[in-house]
Amino acid sequence: MFTPKAVLRSSAVTAAVAAAVLGLGAGGAQAAGWPPLQPGAYLYTGTGGSGAVTTVDLNDFGTCHALSTPARSVQVANGSASVQLYPGAGCTGSYSWLSGSLAQSNLPFPAQSYRVVPA
């Protein structure tokens, strides 16, 4: 049977481990060079949120947008919209990638077009 001291000690250890893991995760994201997460959606020509940036109009649902330079990474912080990215121009290709409404990710392919969809 656990004594109150043992339970408190165990809780303190668990909290310390959780804080260390969270600290490592935050340090890893910052070390990768991602820009700070901010409201909206952004497409980057480089991986890890680097290179030229395109700001996505999250109120323009359904319209296909062409990119002059393919996007390699995306960052989205919005509760109601996602970005659907396509490898081909004109929102074409045999597959697409959907960001979700909270994302910070390198893309599995260079995206040449996108559209905003409800989350």
PDB file of N, CA and C in Angstrom:
ATOM      1  N   MET A   1       0.839  -1.173   0.000  1.00  0.00           N
ATOM      2  CA  MET A   1       0.000   0.000   0.000  1.00  0.00           C
ATOM      3  C   MET A   1       0.887   1.240   0.000  1.00  0.00           C
ATOM      4  N   PHE A   2       0.471   2.242  -0.738  1.00  0.00           N
ATOM      5  CA  PHE A   2       1.252   3.475  -0.827  1.00  0.00           C
ATOM      6  C   PHE A   2       0.934   4.397   0.340  1.00  0.00           C
ATOM      7  N   THR A   3       1.955   5.026   0.846  1.00  0.00           N
ATOM      8  CA  THR A   3       1.757   6.029   1.877  1.00  0.00           C
ATOM      9  C   THR A   3       1.605   7.381   1.200  1.00  0.00           C
ATOM     10  N   PRO A   4       1.024   8.363   1.878  1.00  0.00           N
ATOM     11  CA  PRO A   4       0.876   9.687   1.266  1.00  0.00           C
ATOM     12  C   PRO A   4       2.206  10.268   0.786  1.00  0.00           C
ATOM     13  N   LYS A   5       3.295  10.013   1.530  1.00  0.00           N
ATOM     14  CA  LYS A   5       4.611  10.513   1.121  1.00  0.00           C
ATOM     15  C   LYS A   5       5.046   9.882  -0.198  1.00  0.00           C
ATOM     16  N   ALA A   6       4.825   8.592  -0.347  1.00  0.00           N
ATOM     17  CA  ALA A   6       5.208   7.879  -1.569  1.00  0.00           C
ATOM     18  C   ALA A   6       4.412   8.404  -2.758  1.00  0.00           C
ATOM     19  N   VAL A   7       3.124   8.644  -2.556  1.00  0.00           N
ATOM     20  CA  VAL A   7       2.279   9.160  -3.632  1.00  0.00           C
ATOM     21  C   VAL A   7       2.753  10.553  -4.034  1.00  0.00           C
ATOM     22  N   LEU A   8       3.035  11.410  -3.083  1.00  0.00           N
ATOM     23  CA  LEU A   8       3.530  12.761  -3.388  1.00  0.00           C
ATOM     24  C   LEU A   8       4.861  12.704  -4.116  1.00  0.00           C
ATOM     25  N   ARG A   9       5.764  11.849  -3.666  1.00  0.00           N
ATOM     26  CA  ARG A   9       7.070  11.709  -4.306  1.00  0.00           C
ATOM     27  C   ARG A   9       6.892  11.225  -5.742  1.00  0.00           C
ATOM     28  N   SER A  10       6.018  10.228  -5.939  1.00  0.00           N
ATOM     29  CA  SER A  10       5.748   9.699  -7.268  1.00  0.00           C
ATOM     30  C   SER A  10       5.152  10.771  -8.177  1.00  0.00           C
ATOM     31  N   SER A  11       4.245  11.584  -7.657  1.00  0.00           N
ATOM     32  CA  SER A  11       3.642  12.670  -8.434  1.00  0.00           C
ATOM     33  C   SER A  11       4.691  13.709  -8.813  1.00  0.00           C
ATOM     34  N   ALA A  12       5.582  14.014  -7.895  1.00  0.00           N
ATOM     35  CA  ALA A  12       6.631  14.994  -8.177  1.00  0.00           C
ATOM     36  C   ALA A  12       7.571  14.488  -9.265  1.00  0.00           C
ATOM     37  N   VAL A  13       7.922  13.216  -9.204  1.00  0.00           N
ATOM     38  CA  VAL A  13       8.785  12.630 -10.225  1.00  0.00           C
ATOM     39  C   VAL A  13       8.088  12.648 -11.579  1.00  0.00           C
ATOM     40  N   THR A  14       6.818  12.274 -11.617  1.00  0.00           N
ATOM     41  CA  THR A  14       6.051  12.282 -12.866  1.00  0.00           C
ATOM     42  C   THR A  14       5.989  13.685 -13.450  1.00  0.00           C
ATOM     43  N   ALA A  15       5.731  14.673 -12.612  1.00  0.00           N
ATOM     44  CA  ALA A  15       5.663  16.061 -13.080  1.00  0.00           C
ATOM     45  C   ALA A  15       7.017  16.522 -13.616  1.00  0.00           C
ATOM     46  N   ALA A  16       8.097  16.154 -12.950  1.00  0.00           N
ATOM     47  CA  ALA A  16       9.434  16.553 -13.397  1.00  0.00           C
ATOM     48  C   ALA A  16       9.775  15.920 -14.747  1.00  0.00           C
ATOM     49  N   VAL A  17       9.425  14.646 -14.917  1.00  0.00           N
ATOM     50  CA  VAL A  17       9.685  13.964 -16.191  1.00  0.00           C
ATOM     51  C   VAL A  17       8.855  14.602 -17.299  1.00  0.00           C
ATOM     52  N   ALA A  18       7.592  14.885 -17.014  1.00  0.00           N
ATOM     53  CA  ALA A  18       6.731  15.514 -18.028  1.00  0.00           C
ATOM     54  C   ALA A  18       7.285  16.875 -18.432  1.00  0.00           C
ATOM     55  N   ALA A  19       7.732  17.671 -17.466  1.00  0.00           N
ATOM     56  CA  ALA A  19       8.294  18.992 -17.769  1.00  0.00           C
ATOM     57  C   ALA A  19       9.566  18.859 -18.610  1.00  0.00           C
ATOM     58  N   ALA A  20      10.390  17.883 -18.301  1.00  0.00           N
ATOM     59  CA  ALA A  20      11.621  17.684 -19.072  1.00  0.00           C
ATOM     60  C   ALA A  20      11.309  17.278 -20.502  1.00  0.00           C
ATOM     61  N   VAL A  21      10.344  16.379 -20.691  1.00  0.00           N
ATOM     62  CA  VAL A  21       9.973  15.938 -22.040  1.00  0.00           C
ATOM     63  C   VAL A  21       9.387  17.100 -22.829  1.00  0.00           C
ATOM     64  N   LEU A  22       8.508  17.876 -22.213  1.00  0.00           N
ATOM     65  CA  LEU A  22       7.936  19.034 -22.894  1.00  0.00           C
ATOM     66  C   LEU A  22       9.015  20.047 -23.236  1.00  0.00           C
ATOM     67  N   GLY A  23       9.940  20.244 -22.336  1.00  0.00           N
ATOM     68  CA  GLY A  23      11.039  21.176 -22.604  1.00  0.00           C
ATOM     69  C   GLY A  23      11.896  20.723 -23.770  1.00  0.00           C
ATOM     70  N   LEU A  24      12.161  19.428 -23.859  1.00  0.00           N
ATOM     71  CA  LEU A  24      12.935  18.905 -24.984  1.00  0.00           C
ATOM     72  C   LEU A  24      12.176  19.055 -26.287  1.00  0.00           C
ATOM     73  N   GLY A  25      10.876  18.815 -26.264  1.00  0.00           N
ATOM     74  CA  GLY A  25      10.065  18.960 -27.466  1.00  0.00           C
ATOM     75  C   GLY A  25      10.064  20.397 -27.953  1.00  0.00           C
ATOM     76  N   ALA A  26       9.905  21.347 -27.060  1.00  0.00           N
ATOM     77  CA  ALA A  26       9.897  22.754 -27.454  1.00  0.00           C
ATOM     78  C   ALA A  26      11.273  23.166 -27.970  1.00  0.00           C
ATOM     79  N   GLY A  27      12.312  22.680 -27.336  1.00  0.00           N
ATOM     80  CA  GLY A  27      13.663  23.007 -27.800  1.00  0.00           C
ATOM     81  C   GLY A  27      13.936  22.425 -29.169  1.00  0.00           C
ATOM     82  N   GLY A  28      13.443  21.218 -29.418  1.00  0.00           N
ATOM     83  CA  GLY A  28      13.638  20.582 -30.715  1.00  0.00           C
ATOM     84  C   GLY A  28      12.956  21.354 -31.830  1.00  0.00           C
ATOM     85  N   ALA A  29      11.736  21.829 -31.574  1.00  0.00           N
ATOM     86  CA  ALA A  29      11.012  22.581 -32.604  1.00  0.00           C
ATOM     87  C   ALA A  29      11.735  23.899 -32.881  1.00  0.00           C
ATOM     88  N   GLN A  30      12.197  24.554 -31.858  1.00  0.00           N
ATOM     89  CA  GLN A  30      12.887  25.828 -32.042  1.00  0.00           C
ATOM     90  C   GLN A  30      14.230  25.598 -32.750  1.00  0.00           C
ATOM     91  N   ALA A  31      14.916  24.538 -32.402  1.00  0.00           N
ATOM     92  CA  ALA A  31      16.212  24.261 -33.013  1.00  0.00           C
ATOM     93  C   ALA A  31      16.070  23.939 -34.488  1.00  0.00           C
ATOM     94  N   ALA A  32      14.913  23.415 -34.889  1.00  0.00           N
ATOM     95  CA  ALA A  32      14.682  23.078 -36.286  1.00  0.00           C
ATOM     96  C   ALA A  32      14.494  24.325 -37.138  1.00  0.00           C
ATOM     97  N   GLY A  33      14.295  25.483 -36.516  1.00  0.00           N
ATOM     98  CA  GLY A  33      14.192  26.721 -37.253  1.00  0.00           C
ATOM     99  C   GLY A  33      12.790  27.151 -37.608  1.00  0.00           C
ATOM    100  N   TRP A  34      11.778  26.490 -37.083  1.00  0.00           N
ATOM    101  CA  TRP A  34      10.407  26.905 -37.368  1.00  0.00           C
ATOM    102  C   TRP A  34      10.162  28.294 -36.805  1.00  0.00           C
ATOM    103  N   PRO A  35       9.448  29.126 -37.551  1.00  0.00           N
ATOM    104  CA  PRO A  35       9.059  30.421 -36.989  1.00  0.00           C
ATOM    105  C   PRO A  35       8.053  30.198 -35.855  1.00  0.00           C
ATOM    106  N   PRO A  36       7.911  31.166 -34.962  1.00  0.00           N
ATOM    107  CA  PRO A  36       6.935  30.995 -33.881  1.00  0.00           C
ATOM    108  C   PRO A  36       5.537  30.783 -34.453  1.00  0.00           C
ATOM    109  N   LEU A  37       4.769  29.916 -33.815  1.00  0.00           N
ATOM    110  CA  LEU A  37       3.403  29.653 -34.243  1.00  0.00           C
ATOM    111  C   LEU A  37       2.572  30.909 -34.027  1.00  0.00           C
ATOM    112  N   GLN A  38       1.853  31.319 -35.064  1.00  0.00           N
ATOM    113  CA  GLN A  38       1.001  32.499 -34.976  1.00  0.00           C
ATOM    114  C   GLN A  38      -0.318  32.218 -35.685  1.00  0.00           C
ATOM    115  N   PRO A  39      -1.374  32.943 -35.348  1.00  0.00           N
ATOM    116  CA  PRO A  39      -2.670  32.696 -35.986  1.00  0.00           C
ATOM    117  C   PRO A  39      -2.589  32.867 -37.504  1.00  0.00           C
ATOM    118  N   GLY A  40      -3.313  32.004 -38.224  1.00  0.00           N
ATOM    119  CA  GLY A  40      -3.333  32.069 -39.680  1.00  0.00           C
ATOM    120  C   GLY A  40      -2.737  30.822 -40.297  1.00  0.00           C
ATOM    121  N   ALA A  41      -2.436  30.930 -41.599  1.00  0.00           N
ATOM    122  CA  ALA A  41      -1.835  29.805 -42.323  1.00  0.00           C
ATOM    123  C   ALA A  41      -0.749  30.338 -43.243  1.00  0.00           C
ATOM    124  N   TYR A  42       0.370  29.617 -43.298  1.00  0.00           N
ATOM    125  CA  TYR A  42       1.538  30.059 -44.058  1.00  0.00           C
ATOM    126  C   TYR A  42       2.169  28.872 -44.774  1.00  0.00           C
ATOM    127  N   LEU A  43       2.543  29.080 -46.017  1.00  0.00           N
ATOM    128  CA  LEU A  43       3.245  28.072 -46.804  1.00  0.00           C
ATOM    129  C   LEU A  43       4.666  28.570 -47.023  1.00  0.00           C
ATOM    130  N   TYR A  44       5.637  27.675 -46.930  1.00  0.00           N
ATOM    131  CA  TYR A  44       7.049  28.034 -47.049  1.00  0.00           C
ATOM    132  C   TYR A  44       7.694  27.253 -48.184  1.00  0.00           C
ATOM    133  N   THR A  45       8.601  27.901 -48.900  1.00  0.00           N
ATOM    134  CA  THR A  45       9.284  27.228 -50.013  1.00  0.00           C
ATOM    135  C   THR A  45      10.347  26.246 -49.537  1.00  0.00           C
ATOM    136  N   GLY A  46      10.805  26.381 -48.304  1.00  0.00           N
ATOM    137  CA  GLY A  46      11.793  25.461 -47.744  1.00  0.00           C
ATOM    138  C   GLY A  46      11.188  24.601 -46.649  1.00  0.00           C
ATOM    139  N   THR A  47      11.927  23.595 -46.231  1.00  0.00           N
ATOM    140  CA  THR A  47      11.476  22.745 -45.130  1.00  0.00           C
ATOM    141  C   THR A  47      11.670  23.470 -43.805  1.00  0.00           C
ATOM    142  N   GLY A  48      10.962  23.023 -42.786  1.00  0.00           N
ATOM    143  CA  GLY A  48      11.122  23.596 -41.453  1.00  0.00           C
ATOM    144  C   GLY A  48      10.686  25.039 -41.350  1.00  0.00           C
ATOM    145  N   GLY A  49       9.772  25.485 -42.209  1.00  0.00           N
ATOM    146  CA  GLY A  49       9.300  26.867 -42.149  1.00  0.00           C
ATOM    147  C   GLY A  49      10.320  27.875 -42.632  1.00  0.00           C
ATOM    148  N   SER A  50      11.175  27.456 -43.578  1.00  0.00           N
ATOM    149  CA  SER A  50      12.207  28.362 -44.094  1.00  0.00           C
ATOM    150  C   SER A  50      11.857  28.785 -45.524  1.00  0.00           C
ATOM    151  N   GLY A  51      12.594  29.749 -46.024  1.00  0.00           N
ATOM    152  CA  GLY A  51      12.397  30.203 -47.394  1.00  0.00           C
ATOM    153  C   GLY A  51      11.318  31.264 -47.500  1.00  0.00           C
ATOM    154  N   ALA A  52      10.889  31.510 -48.739  1.00  0.00           N
ATOM    155  CA  ALA A  52       9.850  32.508 -48.986  1.00  0.00           C
ATOM    156  C   ALA A  52       8.521  32.027 -48.415  1.00  0.00           C
ATOM    157  N   VAL A  53       7.721  32.963 -47.942  1.00  0.00           N
ATOM    158  CA  VAL A  53       6.453  32.625 -47.298  1.00  0.00           C
ATOM    159  C   VAL A  53       5.272  33.148 -48.121  1.00  0.00           C
ATOM    160  N   THR A  54       4.227  32.332 -48.185  1.00  0.00           N
ATOM    161  CA  THR A  54       2.951  32.722 -48.783  1.00  0.00           C
ATOM    162  C   THR A  54       1.917  32.698 -47.668  1.00  0.00           C
ATOM    163  N   THR A  55       1.224  33.809 -47.469  1.00  0.00           N
ATOM    164  CA  THR A  55       0.161  33.868 -46.482  1.00  0.00           C
ATOM    165  C   THR A  55      -1.128  33.389 -47.139  1.00  0.00           C
ATOM    166  N   VAL A  56      -1.796  32.447 -46.509  1.00  0.00           N
ATOM    167  CA  VAL A  56      -3.028  31.854 -47.030  1.00  0.00           C
ATOM    168  C   VAL A  56      -4.225  32.625 -46.474  1.00  0.00           C
ATOM    169  N   ASP A  57      -5.152  33.008 -47.351  1.00  0.00           N
ATOM    170  CA  ASP A  57      -6.398  33.646 -46.928  1.00  0.00           C
ATOM    171  C   ASP A  57      -7.362  32.552 -46.481  1.00  0.00           C
ATOM    172  N   LEU A  58      -7.516  32.380 -45.191  1.00  0.00           N
ATOM    173  CA  LEU A  58      -8.329  31.298 -44.647  1.00  0.00           C
ATOM    174  C   LEU A  58      -9.836  31.533 -44.808  1.00  0.00           C
ATOM    175  N   ASN A  59     -10.233  32.690 -45.311  1.00  0.00           N
ATOM    176  CA  ASN A  59     -11.645  32.968 -45.561  1.00  0.00           C
ATOM    177  C   ASN A  59     -12.048  32.652 -46.993  1.00  0.00           C
ATOM    178  N   ASP A  60     -11.107  32.281 -47.835  1.00  0.00           N
ATOM    179  CA  ASP A  60     -11.366  31.997 -49.252  1.00  0.00           C
ATOM    180  C   ASP A  60     -11.529  30.492 -49.453  1.00  0.00           C
ATOM    181  N   PHE A  61     -12.658  29.955 -48.987  1.00  0.00           N
ATOM    182  CA  PHE A  61     -12.911  28.518 -49.043  1.00  0.00           C
ATOM    183  C   PHE A  61     -13.145  28.039 -50.476  1.00  0.00           C
ATOM    184  N   GLY A  62     -12.501  26.933 -50.836  1.00  0.00           N
ATOM    185  CA  GLY A  62     -12.767  26.241 -52.082  1.00  0.00           C
ATOM    186  C   GLY A  62     -12.032  26.712 -53.317  1.00  0.00           C
ATOM    187  N   THR A  63     -11.500  27.918 -53.315  1.00  0.00           N
ATOM    188  CA  THR A  63     -10.796  28.434 -54.490  1.00  0.00           C
ATOM    189  C   THR A  63      -9.426  27.783 -54.615  1.00  0.00           C
ATOM    190  N   CYS A  64      -9.094  27.326 -55.822  1.00  0.00           N
ATOM    191  CA  CYS A  64      -7.774  26.735 -56.054  1.00  0.00           C
ATOM    192  C   CYS A  64      -6.772  27.852 -56.318  1.00  0.00           C
ATOM    193  N   HIS A  65      -5.651  27.820 -55.621  1.00  0.00           N
ATOM    194  CA  HIS A  65      -4.589  28.815 -55.770  1.00  0.00           C
ATOM    195  C   HIS A  65      -3.321  28.145 -56.272  1.00  0.00           C
ATOM    196  N   ALA A  66      -2.708  28.738 -57.283  1.00  0.00           N
ATOM    197  CA  ALA A  66      -1.429  28.232 -57.808  1.00  0.00           C
ATOM    198  C   ALA A  66      -0.285  28.912 -57.057  1.00  0.00           C
ATOM    199  N   LEU A  67       0.789  28.172 -56.846  1.00  0.00           N
ATOM    200  CA  LEU A  67       1.984  28.721 -56.210  1.00  0.00           C
ATOM    201  C   LEU A  67       3.063  28.923 -57.271  1.00  0.00           C
ATOM    202  N   SER A  68       3.691  30.093 -57.279  1.00  0.00           N
ATOM    203  CA  SER A  68       4.753  30.346 -58.258  1.00  0.00           C
ATOM    204  C   SER A  68       5.983  29.496 -57.972  1.00  0.00           C
ATOM    205  N   THR A  69       6.239  29.236 -56.708  1.00  0.00           N
ATOM    206  CA  THR A  69       7.314  28.336 -56.277  1.00  0.00           C
ATOM    207  C   THR A  69       6.678  27.286 -55.365  1.00  0.00           C
ATOM    208  N   PRO A  70       6.934  26.008 -55.587  1.00  0.00           N
ATOM    209  CA  PRO A  70       6.302  24.970 -54.763  1.00  0.00           C
ATOM    210  C   PRO A  70       6.581  25.145 -53.266  1.00  0.00           C
ATOM    211  N   ALA A  71       5.576  24.820 -52.459  1.00  0.00           N
ATOM    212  CA  ALA A  71       5.709  24.863 -51.003  1.00  0.00           C
ATOM    213  C   ALA A  71       6.275  23.536 -50.510  1.00  0.00           C
ATOM    214  N   ARG A  72       7.163  23.604 -49.520  1.00  0.00           N
ATOM    215  CA  ARG A  72       7.765  22.400 -48.917  1.00  0.00           C
ATOM    216  C   ARG A  72       7.355  22.210 -47.453  1.00  0.00           C
ATOM    217  N   SER A  73       6.766  23.269 -46.833  1.00  0.00           N
ATOM    218  CA  SER A  73       6.310  23.152 -45.446  1.00  0.00           C
ATOM    219  C   SER A  73       5.126  24.085 -45.225  1.00  0.00           C
ATOM    220  N   VAL A  74       4.369  23.784 -44.155  1.00  0.00           N
ATOM    221  CA  VAL A  74       3.145  24.530 -43.865  1.00  0.00           C
ATOM    222  C   VAL A  74       3.019  24.737 -42.364  1.00  0.00           C
ATOM    223  N   GLN A  75       2.395  25.856 -42.001  1.00  0.00           N
ATOM    224  CA  GLN A  75       2.102  26.146 -40.602  1.00  0.00           C
ATOM    225  C   GLN A  75       0.686  26.720 -40.553  1.00  0.00           C
ATOM    226  N   VAL A  76      -0.186  26.103 -39.756  1.00  0.00           N
ATOM    227  CA  VAL A  76      -1.576  26.534 -39.644  1.00  0.00           C
ATOM    228  C   VAL A  76      -1.957  26.596 -38.170  1.00  0.00           C
ATOM    229  N   ALA A  77      -2.591  27.703 -37.766  1.00  0.00           N
ATOM    230  CA  ALA A  77      -3.144  27.843 -36.425  1.00  0.00           C
ATOM    231  C   ALA A  77      -4.490  28.540 -36.571  1.00  0.00           C
ATOM    232  N   ASN A  78      -5.545  27.718 -36.705  1.00  0.00           N
ATOM    233  CA  ASN A  78      -6.883  28.239 -36.930  1.00  0.00           C
ATOM    234  C   ASN A  78      -7.858  27.162 -36.498  1.00  0.00           C
ATOM    235  N   GLY A  79      -8.966  27.554 -35.898  1.00  0.00           N
ATOM    236  CA  GLY A  79      -9.906  26.552 -35.414  1.00  0.00           C
ATOM    237  C   GLY A  79     -10.936  26.088 -36.427  1.00  0.00           C
ATOM    238  N   SER A  80     -11.040  26.767 -37.577  1.00  0.00           N
ATOM    239  CA  SER A  80     -12.137  26.421 -38.476  1.00  0.00           C
ATOM    240  C   SER A  80     -11.729  26.094 -39.905  1.00  0.00           C
ATOM    241  N   ALA A  81     -10.469  26.259 -40.244  1.00  0.00           N
ATOM    242  CA  ALA A  81     -10.046  26.014 -41.627  1.00  0.00           C
ATOM    243  C   ALA A  81      -8.774  25.179 -41.684  1.00  0.00           C
ATOM    244  N   SER A  82      -8.651  24.406 -42.770  1.00  0.00           N
ATOM    245  CA  SER A  82      -7.464  23.610 -43.069  1.00  0.00           C
ATOM    246  C   SER A  82      -7.000  23.960 -44.468  1.00  0.00           C
ATOM    247  N   VAL A  83      -5.782  23.584 -44.790  1.00  0.00           N
ATOM    248  CA  VAL A  83      -5.241  23.818 -46.126  1.00  0.00           C
ATOM    249  C   VAL A  83      -5.022  22.457 -46.787  1.00  0.00           C
ATOM    250  N   GLN A  84      -5.606  22.290 -47.968  1.00  0.00           N
ATOM    251  CA  GLN A  84      -5.422  21.060 -48.737  1.00  0.00           C
ATOM    252  C   GLN A  84      -4.431  21.363 -49.850  1.00  0.00           C
ATOM    253  N   LEU A  85      -3.315  20.633 -49.864  1.00  0.00           N
ATOM    254  CA  LEU A  85      -2.227  20.888 -50.809  1.00  0.00           C
ATOM    255  C   LEU A  85      -2.137  19.778 -51.849  1.00  0.00           C
ATOM    256  N   TYR A  86      -1.770  20.183 -53.078  1.00  0.00           N
ATOM    257  CA  TYR A  86      -1.721  19.267 -54.215  1.00  0.00           C
ATOM    258  C   TYR A  86      -0.354  19.312 -54.896  1.00  0.00           C
ATOM    259  N   PRO A  87       0.112  18.186 -55.423  1.00  0.00           N
ATOM    260  CA  PRO A  87       1.394  18.166 -56.123  1.00  0.00           C
ATOM    261  C   PRO A  87       1.320  18.783 -57.520  1.00  0.00           C
ATOM    262  N   GLY A  88       0.139  18.864 -58.091  1.00  0.00           N
ATOM    263  CA  GLY A  88      -0.005  19.397 -59.448  1.00  0.00           C
ATOM    264  C   GLY A  88      -0.630  20.778 -59.455  1.00  0.00           C
ATOM    265  N   ALA A  89      -0.451  21.481 -60.567  1.00  0.00           N
ATOM    266  CA  ALA A  89      -1.086  22.782 -60.750  1.00  0.00           C
ATOM    267  C   ALA A  89      -2.590  22.583 -60.873  1.00  0.00           C
ATOM    268  N   GLY A  90      -3.375  23.600 -60.543  1.00  0.00           N
ATOM    269  CA  GLY A  90      -4.821  23.506 -60.667  1.00  0.00           C
ATOM    270  C   GLY A  90      -5.455  22.540 -59.693  1.00  0.00           C
ATOM    271  N   CYS A  91      -4.828  22.335 -58.555  1.00  0.00           N
ATOM    272  CA  CYS A  91      -5.328  21.416 -57.518  1.00  0.00           C
ATOM    273  C   CYS A  91      -5.564  20.023 -58.082  1.00  0.00           C
ATOM    274  N   THR A  92      -4.557  19.526 -58.802  1.00  0.00           N
ATOM    275  CA  THR A  92      -4.625  18.197 -59.396  1.00  0.00           C
ATOM    276  C   THR A  92      -3.537  17.299 -58.831  1.00  0.00           C
ATOM    277  N   GLY A  93      -3.663  16.052 -59.126  1.00  0.00           N
ATOM    278  CA  GLY A  93      -2.718  15.041 -58.675  1.00  0.00           C
ATOM    279  C   GLY A  93      -3.495  13.828 -58.223  1.00  0.00           C
ATOM    280  N   SER A  94      -2.833  12.720 -58.120  1.00  0.00           N
ATOM    281  CA  SER A  94      -3.514  11.499 -57.720  1.00  0.00           C
ATOM    282  C   SER A  94      -3.713  11.429 -56.204  1.00  0.00           C
ATOM    283  N   TYR A  95      -3.216  12.413 -55.475  1.00  0.00           N
ATOM    284  CA  TYR A  95      -3.358  12.473 -54.027  1.00  0.00           C
ATOM    285  C   TYR A  95      -3.235  13.932 -53.595  1.00  0.00           C
ATOM    286  N   SER A  96      -3.609  14.206 -52.362  1.00  0.00           N
ATOM    287  CA  SER A  96      -3.436  15.534 -51.778  1.00  0.00           C
ATOM    288  C   SER A  96      -3.053  15.358 -50.315  1.00  0.00           C
ATOM    289  N   TRP A  97      -2.711  16.449 -49.658  1.00  0.00           N
ATOM    290  CA  TRP A  97      -2.323  16.418 -48.243  1.00  0.00           C
ATOM    291  C   TRP A  97      -3.140  17.476 -47.524  1.00  0.00           C
ATOM    292  N   LEU A  98      -3.802  17.109 -46.428  1.00  0.00           N
ATOM    293  CA  LEU A  98      -4.650  18.001 -45.666  1.00  0.00           C
ATOM    294  C   LEU A  98      -3.976  18.361 -44.348  1.00  0.00           C
ATOM    295  N   SER A  99      -3.849  19.665 -44.084  1.00  0.00           N
ATOM    296  CA  SER A  99      -3.079  20.126 -42.926  1.00  0.00           C
ATOM    297  C   SER A  99      -3.745  19.897 -41.584  1.00  0.00           C
ATOM    298  N   GLY A 100      -5.054  20.020 -41.505  1.00  0.00           N
ATOM    299  CA  GLY A 100      -5.713  20.114 -40.211  1.00  0.00           C
ATOM    300  C   GLY A 100      -5.706  21.576 -39.789  1.00  0.00           C
ATOM    301  N   SER A 101      -6.353  21.897 -38.676  1.00  0.00           N
ATOM    302  CA  SER A 101      -6.465  23.301 -38.281  1.00  0.00           C
ATOM    303  C   SER A 101      -5.352  23.772 -37.345  1.00  0.00           C
ATOM    304  N   LEU A 102      -4.498  22.859 -36.907  1.00  0.00           N
ATOM    305  CA  LEU A 102      -3.324  23.212 -36.108  1.00  0.00           C
ATOM    306  C   LEU A 102      -2.181  22.313 -36.575  1.00  0.00           C
ATOM    307  N   ALA A 103      -1.286  22.877 -37.365  1.00  0.00           N
ATOM    308  CA  ALA A 103      -0.221  22.057 -37.963  1.00  0.00           C
ATOM    309  C   ALA A 103       1.050  22.866 -38.136  1.00  0.00           C
ATOM    310  N   GLN A 104       2.150  22.185 -38.086  1.00  0.00           N
ATOM    311  CA  GLN A 104       3.474  22.730 -38.377  1.00  0.00           C
ATOM    312  C   GLN A 104       4.260  21.535 -38.916  1.00  0.00           C
ATOM    313  N   SER A 105       4.344  21.453 -40.260  1.00  0.00           N
ATOM    314  CA  SER A 105       4.854  20.221 -40.839  1.00  0.00           C
ATOM    315  C   SER A 105       5.559  20.445 -42.168  1.00  0.00           C
ATOM    316  N   ASN A 106       6.554  19.592 -42.426  1.00  0.00           N
ATOM    317  CA  ASN A 106       7.126  19.505 -43.765  1.00  0.00           C
ATOM    318  C   ASN A 106       6.154  18.698 -44.612  1.00  0.00           C
ATOM    319  N   LEU A 107       6.050  19.029 -45.876  1.00  0.00           N
ATOM    320  CA  LEU A 107       5.122  18.332 -46.766  1.00  0.00           C
ATOM    321  C   LEU A 107       5.773  17.088 -47.355  1.00  0.00           C
ATOM    322  N   PRO A 108       4.977  16.072 -47.665  1.00  0.00           N
ATOM    323  CA  PRO A 108       5.531  14.844 -48.239  1.00  0.00           C
ATOM    324  C   PRO A 108       5.901  14.997 -49.718  1.00  0.00           C
ATOM    325  N   PHE A 109       5.553  16.136 -50.314  1.00  0.00           N
ATOM    326  CA  PHE A 109       5.855  16.416 -51.725  1.00  0.00           C
ATOM    327  C   PHE A 109       5.874  17.928 -51.909  1.00  0.00           C
ATOM    328  N   PRO A 110       6.536  18.429 -52.955  1.00  0.00           N
ATOM    329  CA  PRO A 110       6.464  19.871 -53.240  1.00  0.00           C
ATOM    330  C   PRO A 110       5.048  20.207 -53.743  1.00  0.00           C
ATOM    331  N   ALA A 111       4.347  21.082 -53.037  1.00  0.00           N
ATOM    332  CA  ALA A 111       2.972  21.429 -53.403  1.00  0.00           C
ATOM    333  C   ALA A 111       2.972  22.594 -54.390  1.00  0.00           C
ATOM    334  N   GLN A 112       2.274  22.404 -55.505  1.00  0.00           N
ATOM    335  CA  GLN A 112       2.189  23.450 -56.523  1.00  0.00           C
ATOM    336  C   GLN A 112       0.874  24.216 -56.471  1.00  0.00           C
ATOM    337  N   SER A 113      -0.102  23.709 -55.715  1.00  0.00           N
ATOM    338  CA  SER A 113      -1.388  24.413 -55.582  1.00  0.00           C
ATOM    339  C   SER A 113      -2.056  24.001 -54.268  1.00  0.00           C
ATOM    340  N   TYR A 114      -3.053  24.808 -53.875  1.00  0.00           N
ATOM    341  CA  TYR A 114      -3.764  24.544 -52.624  1.00  0.00           C
ATOM    342  C   TYR A 114      -5.145  25.159 -52.660  1.00  0.00           C
ATOM    343  N   ARG A 115      -5.974  24.701 -51.718  1.00  0.00           N
ATOM    344  CA  ARG A 115      -7.270  25.333 -51.463  1.00  0.00           C
ATOM    345  C   ARG A 115      -7.560  25.254 -49.977  1.00  0.00           C
ATOM    346  N   VAL A 116      -8.382  26.199 -49.489  1.00  0.00           N
ATOM    347  CA  VAL A 116      -8.791  26.225 -48.099  1.00  0.00           C
ATOM    348  C   VAL A 116     -10.099  25.442 -47.988  1.00  0.00           C
ATOM    349  N   VAL A 117     -10.174  24.560 -46.992  1.00  0.00           N
ATOM    350  CA  VAL A 117     -11.366  23.750 -46.755  1.00  0.00           C
ATOM    351  C   VAL A 117     -11.739  23.852 -45.276  1.00  0.00           C
ATOM    352  N   PRO A 118     -13.011  23.588 -44.955  1.00  0.00           N
ATOM    353  CA  PRO A 118     -13.399  23.600 -43.535  1.00  0.00           C
ATOM    354  C   PRO A 118     -12.654  22.524 -42.755  1.00  0.00           C
ATOM    355  N   ALA A 119     -12.320  22.854 -41.523  1.00  0.00           N
ATOM    356  CA  ALA A 119     -11.607  21.884 -40.672  1.00  0.00           C
ATOM    357  C   ALA A 119     -12.548  20.833 -40.142  1.00  0.00           C
TER     358      ALA A 119
END
